[in-house]
Amino acid sequence: MAALKGLLVPYLLPERCYDELLVRFNLLHIPCLKILISKGLGLAIVAGSLMVKLPQVFKILGAKSAEGLSFNSILLELLAITGTMAYSIANAFPFSAWGEALFLMLQTVAIGFLVQHFGGHTGRLLQAVTNYRNGQTGQLAAVTVFLLFAGSLARIFTSVQETGDPLMALTYVVSSICNGVIAAQLLYYWNAQPPPDKRKRE
C-alpha cells in the first residue's frame, strides 16, 4: 500500500484525496474525483504529446514535400506553445497542466525545419486560410490534426481544474477553435485533388 501511495501521491492525488478514495473508500467524493480525472487527463495528454506530431513529420518525409503547410502558421504555433510553457513555469503550475507544450515545441521545430528544407512557403489560423485558397489540405496529417483538436479540448477542462487561471483556459479555447476549423477543413477537403495545372507541373 505504501508503494501505491508513493506512486499516486503527489502525481495523481493529493494526500487528502488518497485517504478519501483509497483508505476510506469514499469513491463518490466529487472534488477528489475531479482532481483525479484532471490529473489523469493531463498526464495522458503529456504522454500523447510525445508522438502527436510524428505522423505529420513522417508524412512530410514520405512525400518529400511540405505542400499545404504554412511556415508562418508553424511560427505562430511555436510562439503560442512557448508562451504557454513560459507562463506556466513562471506561475509554478504542475507539469501535468502544461508538460505537452515542451514536447509539442520540439516537434513543431522539427516540422518547421522540414517545411524550410522542402521549400514550402504557403500558415494554425493562417493554415486555415492556406487550405481554403488551395481547395485542399495538402500534406496535413489527419491523425495529427484530430489528436491536436482532442487534446486542446481536454486541456480546457484540465487548465480550469488544475490552475483556475482564466488566461490559460482562454488560450486553449482559442486553440480548440483553430484546430476545430482545420479538422473540419480536413474532412471537407478529404477527397480533394490539386488543380489540374498544379498536377501537370508536378
C-alpha atoms as a PDB file:
ATOM      1  CA  MET A   1       0.000   0.000   0.000  1.00  0.00           C
ATOM      2  CA  ALA A   2       2.910   2.322   0.769  1.00  0.00           C
ATOM      3  CA  ALA A   3       4.334   1.727  -2.719  1.00  0.00           C
ATOM      4  CA  LEU A   4       0.975   2.595  -4.278  1.00  0.00           C
ATOM      5  CA  LYS A   5       0.782   5.745  -2.179  1.00  0.00           C
ATOM      6  CA  GLY A   6       4.273   6.757  -3.289  1.00  0.00           C
ATOM      7  CA  LEU A   7       3.206   6.307  -6.907  1.00  0.00           C
ATOM      8  CA  LEU A   8      -0.069   8.216  -6.661  1.00  0.00           C
ATOM      9  CA  VAL A   9       0.879  10.998  -4.211  1.00  0.00           C
ATOM     10  CA  PRO A  10       1.504  13.717  -5.310  1.00  0.00           C
ATOM     11  CA  TYR A  11       1.487  12.893  -9.053  1.00  0.00           C
ATOM     12  CA  LEU A  12      -2.185  11.930  -9.369  1.00  0.00           C
ATOM     13  CA  LEU A  13      -3.716  12.729  -5.988  1.00  0.00           C
ATOM     14  CA  PRO A  14      -3.023  14.991  -3.024  1.00  0.00           C
ATOM     15  CA  GLU A  15      -2.680  13.018   0.215  1.00  0.00           C
ATOM     16  CA  ARG A  16      -6.126  14.033   1.488  1.00  0.00           C
ATOM     17  CA  CYS A  17      -7.718  12.600  -1.670  1.00  0.00           C
ATOM     18  CA  TYR A  18      -5.654   9.416  -1.432  1.00  0.00           C
ATOM     19  CA  ASP A  19      -7.029   8.918   2.082  1.00  0.00           C
ATOM     20  CA  GLU A  20     -10.559   9.792   0.977  1.00  0.00           C
ATOM     21  CA  LEU A  21     -10.649   7.483  -2.060  1.00  0.00           C
ATOM     22  CA  LEU A  22      -8.348   4.585  -1.165  1.00  0.00           C
ATOM     23  CA  VAL A  23      -8.334   4.479   2.633  1.00  0.00           C
ATOM     24  CA  ARG A  24     -11.925   5.441   3.460  1.00  0.00           C
ATOM     25  CA  PHE A  25     -13.149   4.111   0.063  1.00  0.00           C
ATOM     26  CA  ASN A  26     -15.350   7.151  -0.418  1.00  0.00           C
ATOM     27  CA  LEU A  27     -15.364   6.704  -4.204  1.00  0.00           C
ATOM     28  CA  LEU A  28     -18.089   9.296  -4.749  1.00  0.00           C
ATOM     29  CA  HIS A  29     -16.117  12.196  -3.269  1.00  0.00           C
ATOM     30  CA  ILE A  30     -16.671  14.612  -6.185  1.00  0.00           C
ATOM     31  CA  PRO A  31     -13.855  17.155  -5.514  1.00  0.00           C
ATOM     32  CA  CYS A  32     -11.251  14.365  -5.329  1.00  0.00           C
ATOM     33  CA  LEU A  33     -12.691  12.574  -8.355  1.00  0.00           C
ATOM     34  CA  LYS A  34     -12.396  15.802 -10.353  1.00  0.00           C
ATOM     35  CA  ILE A  35      -8.753  16.132  -9.289  1.00  0.00           C
ATOM     36  CA  LEU A  36      -8.053  12.501 -10.249  1.00  0.00           C
ATOM     37  CA  ILE A  37      -9.739  12.856 -13.657  1.00  0.00           C
ATOM     38  CA  SER A  38      -7.984  16.147 -14.350  1.00  0.00           C
ATOM     39  CA  LYS A  39      -4.548  14.822 -13.357  1.00  0.00           C
ATOM     40  CA  GLY A  40      -5.104  11.615 -15.306  1.00  0.00           C
ATOM     41  CA  LEU A  41      -6.211  13.516 -18.408  1.00  0.00           C
ATOM     42  CA  GLY A  42      -3.290  15.910 -18.062  1.00  0.00           C
ATOM     43  CA  LEU A  43      -0.714  13.125 -17.840  1.00  0.00           C
ATOM     44  CA  ALA A  44      -2.388  11.264 -20.733  1.00  0.00           C
ATOM     45  CA  ILE A  45      -2.142  14.419 -22.853  1.00  0.00           C
ATOM     46  CA  VAL A  46       1.530  14.824 -21.928  1.00  0.00           C
ATOM     47  CA  ALA A  47       2.193  11.164 -22.829  1.00  0.00           C
ATOM     48  CA  GLY A  48       0.279  11.513 -26.091  1.00  0.00           C
ATOM     49  CA  SER A  49       2.195  14.659 -26.975  1.00  0.00           C
ATOM     50  CA  LEU A  50       5.395  12.619 -27.178  1.00  0.00           C
ATOM     51  CA  MET A  51       4.286  11.408 -30.597  1.00  0.00           C
ATOM     52  CA  VAL A  52       1.272  13.513 -31.595  1.00  0.00           C
ATOM     53  CA  LYS A  53       3.098  15.298 -34.415  1.00  0.00           C
ATOM     54  CA  LEU A  54       5.197  12.364 -35.587  1.00  0.00           C
ATOM     55  CA  PRO A  55       2.581  11.326 -38.211  1.00  0.00           C
ATOM     56  CA  GLN A  56       2.934  14.834 -39.646  1.00  0.00           C
ATOM     57  CA  VAL A  57       6.736  14.551 -39.682  1.00  0.00           C
ATOM     58  CA  PHE A  58       6.611  11.128 -41.369  1.00  0.00           C
ATOM     59  CA  LYS A  59       4.048  12.304 -43.925  1.00  0.00           C
ATOM     60  CA  ILE A  60       6.284  15.219 -44.955  1.00  0.00           C
ATOM     61  CA  LEU A  61       9.350  12.964 -45.126  1.00  0.00           C
ATOM     62  CA  GLY A  62       7.456  10.311 -47.102  1.00  0.00           C
ATOM     63  CA  ALA A  63       6.110  12.822 -49.610  1.00  0.00           C
ATOM     64  CA  LYS A  64       9.358  14.809 -49.668  1.00  0.00           C
ATOM     65  CA  SER A  65       7.034  17.802 -49.764  1.00  0.00           C
ATOM     66  CA  ALA A  66       5.546  20.292 -47.323  1.00  0.00           C
ATOM     67  CA  GLU A  67       2.845  21.470 -49.736  1.00  0.00           C
ATOM     68  CA  GLY A  68      -0.158  22.946 -47.935  1.00  0.00           C
ATOM     69  CA  LEU A  69       1.796  23.688 -44.755  1.00  0.00           C
ATOM     70  CA  SER A  70       2.371  27.312 -43.839  1.00  0.00           C
ATOM     71  CA  PHE A  71       5.668  28.267 -42.240  1.00  0.00           C
ATOM     72  CA  ASN A  72       4.022  31.402 -40.798  1.00  0.00           C
ATOM     73  CA  SER A  73       1.428  29.192 -39.120  1.00  0.00           C
ATOM     74  CA  ILE A  74       4.157  26.988 -37.673  1.00  0.00           C
ATOM     75  CA  LEU A  75       5.978  30.034 -36.285  1.00  0.00           C
ATOM     76  CA  LEU A  76       2.766  31.364 -34.718  1.00  0.00           C
ATOM     77  CA  GLU A  77       2.030  27.959 -33.207  1.00  0.00           C
ATOM     78  CA  LEU A  78       5.576  27.783 -31.854  1.00  0.00           C
ATOM     79  CA  LEU A  79       5.164  31.244 -30.319  1.00  0.00           C
ATOM     80  CA  ALA A  80       1.872  30.210 -28.663  1.00  0.00           C
ATOM     81  CA  ILE A  81       3.338  26.945 -27.345  1.00  0.00           C
ATOM     82  CA  THR A  82       6.471  28.545 -25.884  1.00  0.00           C
ATOM     83  CA  GLY A  83       4.397  31.406 -24.441  1.00  0.00           C
ATOM     84  CA  THR A  84       2.105  28.925 -22.678  1.00  0.00           C
ATOM     85  CA  MET A  85       5.094  26.966 -21.401  1.00  0.00           C
ATOM     86  CA  ALA A  86       6.908  30.061 -20.097  1.00  0.00           C
ATOM     87  CA  TYR A  87       3.729  31.388 -18.432  1.00  0.00           C
ATOM     88  CA  SER A  88       3.096  28.013 -16.758  1.00  0.00           C
ATOM     89  CA  ILE A  89       6.659  27.705 -15.484  1.00  0.00           C
ATOM     90  CA  ALA A  90       6.617  31.288 -14.183  1.00  0.00           C
ATOM     91  CA  ASN A  91       3.387  30.567 -12.275  1.00  0.00           C
ATOM     92  CA  ALA A  92       4.667  27.203 -10.967  1.00  0.00           C
ATOM     93  CA  PHE A  93       1.747  25.271 -12.455  1.00  0.00           C
ATOM     94  CA  PRO A  94       2.047  21.455 -12.175  1.00  0.00           C
ATOM     95  CA  PHE A  95       3.813  19.701 -15.056  1.00  0.00           C
ATOM     96  CA  SER A  96       0.623  17.764 -15.848  1.00  0.00           C
ATOM     97  CA  ALA A  97      -1.046  21.094 -16.707  1.00  0.00           C
ATOM     98  CA  TRP A  98       1.444  22.116 -19.400  1.00  0.00           C
ATOM     99  CA  GLY A  99       4.011  19.340 -19.993  1.00  0.00           C
ATOM    100  CA  GLU A 100       2.834  18.613 -23.517  1.00  0.00           C
ATOM    101  CA  ALA A 101       3.952  22.115 -24.528  1.00  0.00           C
ATOM    102  CA  LEU A 102       7.591  21.031 -24.161  1.00  0.00           C
ATOM    103  CA  PHE A 103       7.219  18.036 -26.479  1.00  0.00           C
ATOM    104  CA  LEU A 104       4.962  19.881 -28.937  1.00  0.00           C
ATOM    105  CA  MET A 105       7.562  22.649 -29.129  1.00  0.00           C
ATOM    106  CA  LEU A 106      10.334  20.198 -30.080  1.00  0.00           C
ATOM    107  CA  GLN A 107       8.177  18.506 -32.721  1.00  0.00           C
ATOM    108  CA  THR A 108       6.952  21.840 -34.100  1.00  0.00           C
ATOM    109  CA  VAL A 109      10.556  22.978 -34.508  1.00  0.00           C
ATOM    110  CA  ALA A 110      11.244  19.766 -36.464  1.00  0.00           C
ATOM    111  CA  ILE A 111       8.235  20.379 -38.731  1.00  0.00           C
ATOM    112  CA  GLY A 112       9.313  23.988 -39.284  1.00  0.00           C
ATOM    113  CA  PHE A 113      12.748  22.779 -40.314  1.00  0.00           C
ATOM    114  CA  LEU A 114      11.230  20.292 -42.775  1.00  0.00           C
ATOM    115  CA  VAL A 115       8.970  22.959 -44.282  1.00  0.00           C
ATOM    116  CA  GLN A 116      12.009  25.129 -44.876  1.00  0.00           C
ATOM    117  CA  HIS A 117      14.057  22.176 -46.098  1.00  0.00           C
ATOM    118  CA  PHE A 118      11.490  21.183 -48.713  1.00  0.00           C
ATOM    119  CA  GLY A 119      10.828  24.787 -49.705  1.00  0.00           C
ATOM    120  CA  GLY A 120       7.202  25.007 -48.544  1.00  0.00           C
ATOM    121  CA  HIS A 121       6.242  28.664 -48.109  1.00  0.00           C
ATOM    122  CA  THR A 122       2.495  28.701 -48.015  1.00  0.00           C
ATOM    123  CA  GLY A 123       0.266  29.318 -42.495  1.00  0.00           C
ATOM    124  CA  ARG A 124      -2.818  27.284 -37.199  1.00  0.00           C
ATOM    125  CA  LEU A 125      -5.259  30.272 -38.064  1.00  0.00           C
ATOM    126  CA  LEU A 126      -3.249  31.168 -41.224  1.00  0.00           C
ATOM    127  CA  GLN A 127      -3.193  27.438 -42.023  1.00  0.00           C
ATOM    128  CA  ALA A 128      -6.974  27.564 -42.453  1.00  0.00           C
ATOM    129  CA  VAL A 129      -6.618  30.399 -44.993  1.00  0.00           C
ATOM    130  CA  THR A 130      -3.986  28.392 -46.898  1.00  0.00           C
ATOM    131  CA  ASN A 131      -6.276  25.339 -47.008  1.00  0.00           C
ATOM    132  CA  TYR A 132      -9.185  27.450 -48.255  1.00  0.00           C
ATOM    133  CA  ARG A 133      -7.121  29.059 -51.018  1.00  0.00           C
ATOM    134  CA  ASN A 134      -5.680  25.725 -52.152  1.00  0.00           C
ATOM    135  CA  GLY A 135      -9.048  23.940 -52.028  1.00  0.00           C
ATOM    136  CA  GLN A 136      -7.249  21.035 -50.349  1.00  0.00           C
ATOM    137  CA  THR A 137      -5.235  20.275 -47.209  1.00  0.00           C
ATOM    138  CA  GLY A 138      -2.056  19.122 -48.963  1.00  0.00           C
ATOM    139  CA  GLN A 139       0.263  17.166 -46.670  1.00  0.00           C
ATOM    140  CA  LEU A 140      -1.676  17.783 -43.442  1.00  0.00           C
ATOM    141  CA  ALA A 141      -1.802  14.512 -41.456  1.00  0.00           C
ATOM    142  CA  ALA A 142      -5.331  13.651 -40.290  1.00  0.00           C
ATOM    143  CA  VAL A 143      -4.125  11.806 -37.159  1.00  0.00           C
ATOM    144  CA  THR A 144      -2.090  14.816 -36.028  1.00  0.00           C
ATOM    145  CA  VAL A 145      -4.907  17.298 -36.691  1.00  0.00           C
ATOM    146  CA  PHE A 146      -7.557  15.300 -34.819  1.00  0.00           C
ATOM    147  CA  LEU A 147      -5.248  14.490 -31.880  1.00  0.00           C
ATOM    148  CA  LEU A 148      -4.369  18.176 -31.531  1.00  0.00           C
ATOM    149  CA  PHE A 149      -8.075  19.070 -31.615  1.00  0.00           C
ATOM    150  CA  ALA A 150      -8.987  16.454 -28.975  1.00  0.00           C
ATOM    151  CA  GLY A 151      -6.008  17.437 -26.819  1.00  0.00           C
ATOM    152  CA  SER A 152      -6.859  21.133 -26.867  1.00  0.00           C
ATOM    153  CA  LEU A 153     -10.483  20.360 -25.906  1.00  0.00           C
ATOM    154  CA  ALA A 154      -9.351  18.221 -22.963  1.00  0.00           C
ATOM    155  CA  ARG A 155      -6.906  20.939 -21.942  1.00  0.00           C
ATOM    156  CA  ILE A 156      -9.758  23.416 -21.391  1.00  0.00           C
ATOM    157  CA  PHE A 157     -11.038  21.191 -18.568  1.00  0.00           C
ATOM    158  CA  THR A 158      -7.624  20.407 -17.083  1.00  0.00           C
ATOM    159  CA  SER A 159      -6.453  24.029 -17.131  1.00  0.00           C
ATOM    160  CA  VAL A 160      -9.602  25.190 -15.307  1.00  0.00           C
ATOM    161  CA  GLN A 161      -9.355  22.323 -12.823  1.00  0.00           C
ATOM    162  CA  GLU A 162      -5.610  22.446 -12.124  1.00  0.00           C
ATOM    163  CA  THR A 163      -4.737  26.125 -12.442  1.00  0.00           C
ATOM    164  CA  GLY A 164      -8.016  28.033 -12.203  1.00  0.00           C
ATOM    165  CA  ASP A 165      -6.366  30.588 -14.472  1.00  0.00           C
ATOM    166  CA  PRO A 166      -8.800  32.131 -16.996  1.00  0.00           C
ATOM    167  CA  LEU A 167      -5.955  33.201 -19.321  1.00  0.00           C
ATOM    168  CA  MET A 168      -4.718  29.613 -19.606  1.00  0.00           C
ATOM    169  CA  ALA A 169      -8.266  28.390 -20.258  1.00  0.00           C
ATOM    170  CA  LEU A 170      -8.824  31.097 -22.885  1.00  0.00           C
ATOM    171  CA  THR A 171      -5.599  30.062 -24.649  1.00  0.00           C
ATOM    172  CA  TYR A 172      -6.917  26.509 -25.042  1.00  0.00           C
ATOM    173  CA  VAL A 173     -10.389  27.710 -26.080  1.00  0.00           C
ATOM    174  CA  VAL A 174      -8.823  29.712 -28.923  1.00  0.00           C
ATOM    175  CA  SER A 175      -6.536  26.775 -29.770  1.00  0.00           C
ATOM    176  CA  SER A 176      -9.552  24.422 -29.870  1.00  0.00           C
ATOM    177  CA  ILE A 177     -11.430  26.734 -32.225  1.00  0.00           C
ATOM    178  CA  CYS A 178      -8.454  26.992 -34.604  1.00  0.00           C
ATOM    179  CA  ASN A 179      -7.780  23.243 -34.514  1.00  0.00           C
ATOM    180  CA  GLY A 180     -11.510  22.615 -34.996  1.00  0.00           C
ATOM    181  CA  VAL A 181     -11.581  24.757 -38.136  1.00  0.00           C
ATOM    182  CA  ILE A 182      -8.627  22.846 -39.599  1.00  0.00           C
ATOM    183  CA  ALA A 183     -10.143  19.466 -38.623  1.00  0.00           C
ATOM    184  CA  ALA A 184     -13.398  20.481 -40.333  1.00  0.00           C
ATOM    185  CA  GLN A 185     -11.466  21.536 -43.442  1.00  0.00           C
ATOM    186  CA  LEU A 186      -9.623  18.214 -43.463  1.00  0.00           C
ATOM    187  CA  LEU A 187     -12.975  16.399 -43.546  1.00  0.00           C
ATOM    188  CA  TYR A 188     -14.422  18.780 -46.127  1.00  0.00           C
ATOM    189  CA  TYR A 189     -11.421  18.524 -48.474  1.00  0.00           C
ATOM    190  CA  TRP A 190     -10.807  14.811 -47.753  1.00  0.00           C
ATOM    191  CA  ASN A 191     -11.005  13.676 -51.393  1.00  0.00           C
ATOM    192  CA  ALA A 192      -9.946  16.959 -52.991  1.00  0.00           C
ATOM    193  CA  GLN A 193      -7.205  16.801 -55.622  1.00  0.00           C
ATOM    194  CA  PRO A 194      -4.741  19.534 -56.611  1.00  0.00           C
ATOM    195  CA  PRO A 195      -5.897  21.678 -59.565  1.00  0.00           C
ATOM    196  CA  PRO A 196      -5.036  20.146 -62.994  1.00  0.00           C
ATOM    197  CA  ASP A 197      -2.367  22.750 -63.773  1.00  0.00           C
ATOM    198  CA  LYS A 198      -0.593  22.022 -60.487  1.00  0.00           C
ATOM    199  CA  ARG A 199      -0.645  18.266 -61.168  1.00  0.00           C
ATOM    200  CA  LYS A 200       0.852  18.867 -64.620  1.00  0.00           C
ATOM    201  CA  ARG A 201       3.655  20.992 -63.191  1.00  0.00           C
ATOM    202  CA  GLU A 202       4.458  18.223 -60.737  1.00  0.00           C
END
